Amino acid sequence: MWIVCSHDLSYKAWLENGHHFKGDYEDAEKMLCDIAKALRYLQGQRVLHNDIKPSNILYRRETGAKLIDFGCAQHGPKTRSGRGSPWYTPPEYLAHGYGGFPAEIWGLGIVMIFLLKLMPLPEFSQGWITEDIKLNHKDKTELKDIEHKKGVKAKQAMGAWLTTVRRVRSMLPKNAVAETVYKMLDGYLDTRVQAQELVTHINNQG
């Protein structure tokens, strides 16, 4: 067990102007590299973290980034768990009701657009209950009216959020980190960059 003297990325020490990241490009670059390596290791162990988000990443410039809180973790390669935070949930969960290793990359991609100062901390945006998304994949005849309404409400909220993410993705600047993040936020899981490919790409840029 490691004792890490660092703040997580949602802590006020890392925020400015309300809810924006106050670090710089080098911080974002370092965290991308460190957490990408962590995800590669976890995938090698067939472990899904299932809750990639700023509050689960500790960072200190002297020691780098560490991924914490494995309370939602499961063995992969796929999961139908709805326990993760909604803003970091990938589009395939909305479409098919499951996540997997590509979902971890998506979640880190959302973290990165926060670190690149393209949006405030997502937790301050309108959320939804992730578990309710799965109601849209059940036979409507088996659902109570209130369950159907909850599913529709969650679907609409997630759809609106994904529209925002697509817009931000289209506005990513032309630099090495942003170009990598663009690949991480590919809406199609089959073409989204994978953990090993991500680490290799980052190393080649360095």
Protein backbone atom coordinates (compact mmCIF):
# COMPACT_ATOMS: atom_id res chain seq x y z
CA MET A 1 0.00 0.00 0.00
CA TRP A 2 1.22 3.50 -0.92
CA ILE A 3 0.69 6.63 1.15
CA VAL A 4 0.26 9.48 -1.34
CA CYS A 5 0.32 13.09 -0.13
CA SER A 6 -1.66 14.61 -2.99
CA HIS A 7 -5.03 16.23 -3.64
CA ASP A 8 -7.53 14.75 -6.07
CA LEU A 9 -8.34 16.79 -9.17
CA SER A 10 -11.75 17.90 -7.91
CA TYR A 11 -10.25 19.47 -4.79
CA LYS A 12 -10.40 23.26 -4.51
CA ALA A 13 -6.59 23.50 -4.67
CA TRP A 14 -6.83 22.42 -8.33
CA LEU A 15 -9.80 24.63 -9.25
CA GLU A 16 -10.09 28.28 -10.27
CA ASN A 17 -12.78 30.60 -11.63
CA GLY A 18 -15.41 28.44 -10.07
CA HIS A 19 -14.91 24.94 -11.39
CA HIS A 20 -12.12 25.11 -13.98
CA PHE A 21 -8.78 23.31 -13.74
CA LYS A 22 -6.00 25.66 -12.67
CA GLY A 23 -3.05 23.52 -13.77
CA ASP A 24 -1.18 23.91 -17.05
CA TYR A 25 -0.57 21.96 -20.25
CA GLU A 26 2.38 20.10 -18.75
CA ASP A 27 0.17 18.90 -15.88
CA ALA A 28 -2.42 17.60 -18.35
CA GLU A 29 0.26 15.90 -20.42
CA LYS A 30 1.79 14.21 -17.36
CA MET A 31 -1.56 12.97 -16.09
CA LEU A 32 -2.54 11.59 -19.48
CA CYS A 33 0.68 9.60 -19.60
CA ASP A 34 0.42 8.31 -16.02
CA ILE A 35 -3.23 7.28 -16.09
CA ALA A 36 -2.93 5.76 -19.57
CA LYS A 37 -0.20 3.50 -18.19
CA ALA A 38 -2.41 2.63 -15.22
CA LEU A 39 -5.25 1.66 -17.57
CA ARG A 40 -2.90 -0.44 -19.68
CA TYR A 41 -1.79 -2.29 -16.55
CA LEU A 42 -5.38 -2.83 -15.38
CA GLN A 43 -6.43 -4.13 -18.78
CA GLY A 44 -3.52 -6.55 -18.67
CA GLN A 45 -4.94 -7.81 -15.37
CA ARG A 46 -8.47 -7.85 -16.88
CA VAL A 47 -9.68 -5.33 -14.30
CA LEU A 48 -12.20 -2.58 -15.04
CA HIS A 49 -11.99 0.43 -12.75
CA ASN A 50 -15.51 1.57 -13.76
CA ASP A 51 -15.24 5.05 -12.24
CA ILE A 52 -12.58 7.12 -13.99
CA LYS A 53 -13.10 10.75 -12.93
CA PRO A 54 -11.11 13.69 -11.50
CA SER A 55 -11.96 12.89 -7.87
CA ASN A 56 -10.41 9.44 -8.34
CA ILE A 57 -7.10 10.82 -9.59
CA LEU A 58 -4.52 12.12 -7.14
CA TYR A 59 -1.89 14.42 -8.59
CA ARG A 60 1.26 16.11 -7.42
CA ARG A 61 3.75 17.60 -9.84
CA GLU A 62 6.70 15.98 -8.09
CA THR A 63 5.27 12.46 -8.10
CA GLY A 64 2.73 12.38 -10.92
CA ALA A 65 -0.81 11.00 -11.06
CA LYS A 66 -2.26 8.01 -9.22
CA LEU A 67 -5.60 6.31 -9.89
CA ILE A 68 -7.54 5.56 -6.69
CA ASP A 69 -10.86 4.15 -5.40
CA PHE A 70 -11.51 0.70 -6.81
CA GLY A 71 -14.90 0.41 -5.12
CA CYS A 72 -16.66 -0.05 -8.48
CA ALA A 73 -13.98 -2.29 -10.01
CA GLN A 74 -14.86 -5.57 -11.72
CA HIS A 75 -13.17 -8.21 -13.81
CA GLY A 76 -13.56 -7.47 -17.54
CA PRO A 77 -13.84 -7.42 -20.43
CA LYS A 78 -17.43 -6.10 -20.23
CA THR A 79 -19.74 -4.85 -17.53
CA ARG A 80 -23.37 -3.85 -17.27
CA SER A 81 -22.71 -2.04 -14.03
CA GLY A 82 -24.33 1.36 -13.74
CA ARG A 83 -22.39 2.39 -10.66
CA GLY A 84 -19.97 4.85 -12.25
CA SER A 85 -20.42 8.63 -12.43
CA PRO A 86 -22.72 9.60 -15.32
CA TRP A 87 -20.62 12.24 -17.10
CA TYR A 88 -17.81 9.75 -17.75
CA THR A 89 -20.08 7.00 -19.09
CA PRO A 90 -19.44 6.15 -22.78
CA PRO A 91 -21.98 6.31 -25.62
CA GLU A 92 -22.08 2.52 -25.93
CA TYR A 93 -23.70 2.36 -22.51
CA LEU A 94 -26.54 4.50 -23.80
CA ALA A 95 -26.82 2.48 -27.02
CA HIS A 96 -26.33 -1.04 -25.68
CA GLY A 97 -26.32 -0.92 -21.88
CA TYR A 98 -22.77 -2.08 -21.29
CA GLY A 99 -19.23 -0.79 -20.92
CA GLY A 100 -15.77 -2.33 -20.99
CA PHE A 101 -12.13 -1.46 -21.51
CA PRO A 102 -12.93 1.13 -24.22
CA ALA A 103 -15.19 2.84 -21.65
CA GLU A 104 -12.16 3.44 -19.42
CA ILE A 105 -10.47 5.31 -22.26
CA TRP A 106 -13.61 7.37 -22.84
CA GLY A 107 -13.78 8.28 -19.16
CA LEU A 108 -10.17 9.45 -19.19
CA GLY A 109 -10.94 11.44 -22.34
CA ILE A 110 -13.65 13.34 -20.46
CA VAL A 111 -11.19 14.01 -17.64
CA MET A 112 -8.73 15.34 -20.20
CA ILE A 113 -11.10 17.92 -21.70
CA PHE A 114 -11.50 19.23 -18.15
CA LEU A 115 -7.71 19.30 -17.73
CA LEU A 116 -7.32 21.11 -21.06
CA LYS A 117 -9.72 23.77 -19.73
CA LEU A 118 -12.31 23.16 -22.43
CA MET A 119 -15.06 22.67 -19.86
CA PRO A 120 -15.52 23.04 -16.10
CA LEU A 121 -15.57 20.06 -13.78
CA PRO A 122 -18.37 17.92 -15.28
CA GLU A 123 -19.93 17.24 -11.88
CA PHE A 124 -21.29 20.78 -11.92
CA SER A 125 -23.32 20.01 -15.06
CA GLN A 126 -26.78 18.44 -14.97
CA GLY A 127 -26.49 14.76 -14.20
CA TRP A 128 -28.67 11.66 -14.33
CA ILE A 129 -28.82 8.27 -12.64
CA THR A 130 -26.59 5.97 -14.66
CA GLU A 131 -28.47 2.87 -13.55
CA ASP A 132 -31.67 4.29 -15.08
CA ILE A 133 -30.14 4.11 -18.56
CA LYS A 134 -30.51 0.34 -18.42
CA LEU A 135 -34.28 0.71 -18.15
CA ASN A 136 -34.28 1.69 -21.83
CA HIS A 137 -32.94 -1.74 -22.74
CA LYS A 138 -35.74 -3.67 -21.06
CA ASP A 139 -39.03 -4.77 -22.56
CA LYS A 140 -41.40 -1.84 -22.06
CA THR A 141 -44.21 -4.24 -21.20
CA GLU A 142 -42.22 -5.35 -18.15
CA LEU A 143 -41.69 -1.81 -16.84
CA LYS A 144 -43.89 0.18 -14.56
CA ASP A 145 -44.86 3.61 -15.89
CA ILE A 146 -42.57 5.36 -13.40
CA GLU A 147 -39.63 3.16 -14.46
CA HIS A 148 -40.25 3.96 -18.13
CA LYS A 149 -40.28 7.68 -17.36
CA LYS A 150 -37.06 7.40 -15.35
CA GLY A 151 -35.39 5.61 -18.26
CA VAL A 152 -36.51 8.22 -20.78
CA LYS A 153 -35.39 11.07 -18.52
CA ALA A 154 -31.93 9.55 -18.07
CA LYS A 155 -31.64 8.84 -21.80
CA GLN A 156 -32.48 12.43 -22.69
CA ALA A 157 -30.02 13.83 -20.14
CA MET A 158 -27.21 11.58 -21.31
CA GLY A 159 -27.98 12.34 -24.95
CA ALA A 160 -27.73 16.07 -24.26
CA TRP A 161 -24.42 15.57 -22.45
CA LEU A 162 -22.97 13.51 -25.31
CA THR A 163 -23.96 16.29 -27.72
CA THR A 164 -21.93 18.70 -25.58
CA VAL A 165 -18.96 16.32 -25.60
CA ARG A 166 -19.10 15.99 -29.40
CA ARG A 167 -19.13 19.78 -29.71
CA VAL A 168 -16.12 20.15 -27.40
CA ARG A 169 -14.31 17.36 -29.25
CA SER A 170 -14.77 19.24 -32.53
CA MET A 171 -13.14 22.31 -30.92
CA LEU A 172 -10.01 20.59 -29.60
CA PRO A 173 -6.88 22.63 -30.35
CA LYS A 174 -4.01 21.45 -32.53
CA ASN A 175 -1.50 20.07 -30.08
CA ALA A 176 -0.21 16.62 -29.21
CA VAL A 177 -2.36 16.04 -26.12
CA ALA A 178 -5.56 17.32 -27.74
CA GLU A 179 -5.04 15.14 -30.81
CA THR A 180 -4.70 12.14 -28.51
CA VAL A 181 -7.85 13.10 -26.61
CA TYR A 182 -9.70 13.31 -29.93
CA LYS A 183 -8.95 9.62 -30.48
CA MET A 184 -10.06 8.78 -26.93
CA LEU A 185 -13.46 10.40 -27.45
CA ASP A 186 -14.30 8.47 -30.60
CA GLY A 187 -17.99 7.66 -30.27
CA TYR A 188 -17.48 4.21 -31.79
CA LEU A 189 -15.87 1.78 -29.36
CA ASP A 190 -14.46 -0.37 -32.19
CA THR A 191 -12.32 2.49 -33.48
CA ARG A 192 -11.60 4.23 -30.17
CA VAL A 193 -7.91 4.15 -29.26
CA GLN A 194 -7.04 1.27 -26.88
CA ALA A 195 -4.87 1.44 -23.77
CA GLN A 196 -1.75 -0.12 -25.28
CA GLU A 197 -2.09 1.93 -28.46
CA LEU A 198 -2.63 5.03 -26.33
CA VAL A 199 0.56 4.50 -24.32
CA THR A 200 2.56 3.78 -27.48
CA HIS A 201 1.17 6.92 -29.13
CA ILE A 202 2.07 9.05 -26.10
CA ASN A 203 5.58 7.60 -25.92
CA ASN A 204 6.15 8.27 -29.62
CA GLN A 205 5.12 11.89 -29.12
CA GLY A 206 7.61 12.24 -26.28
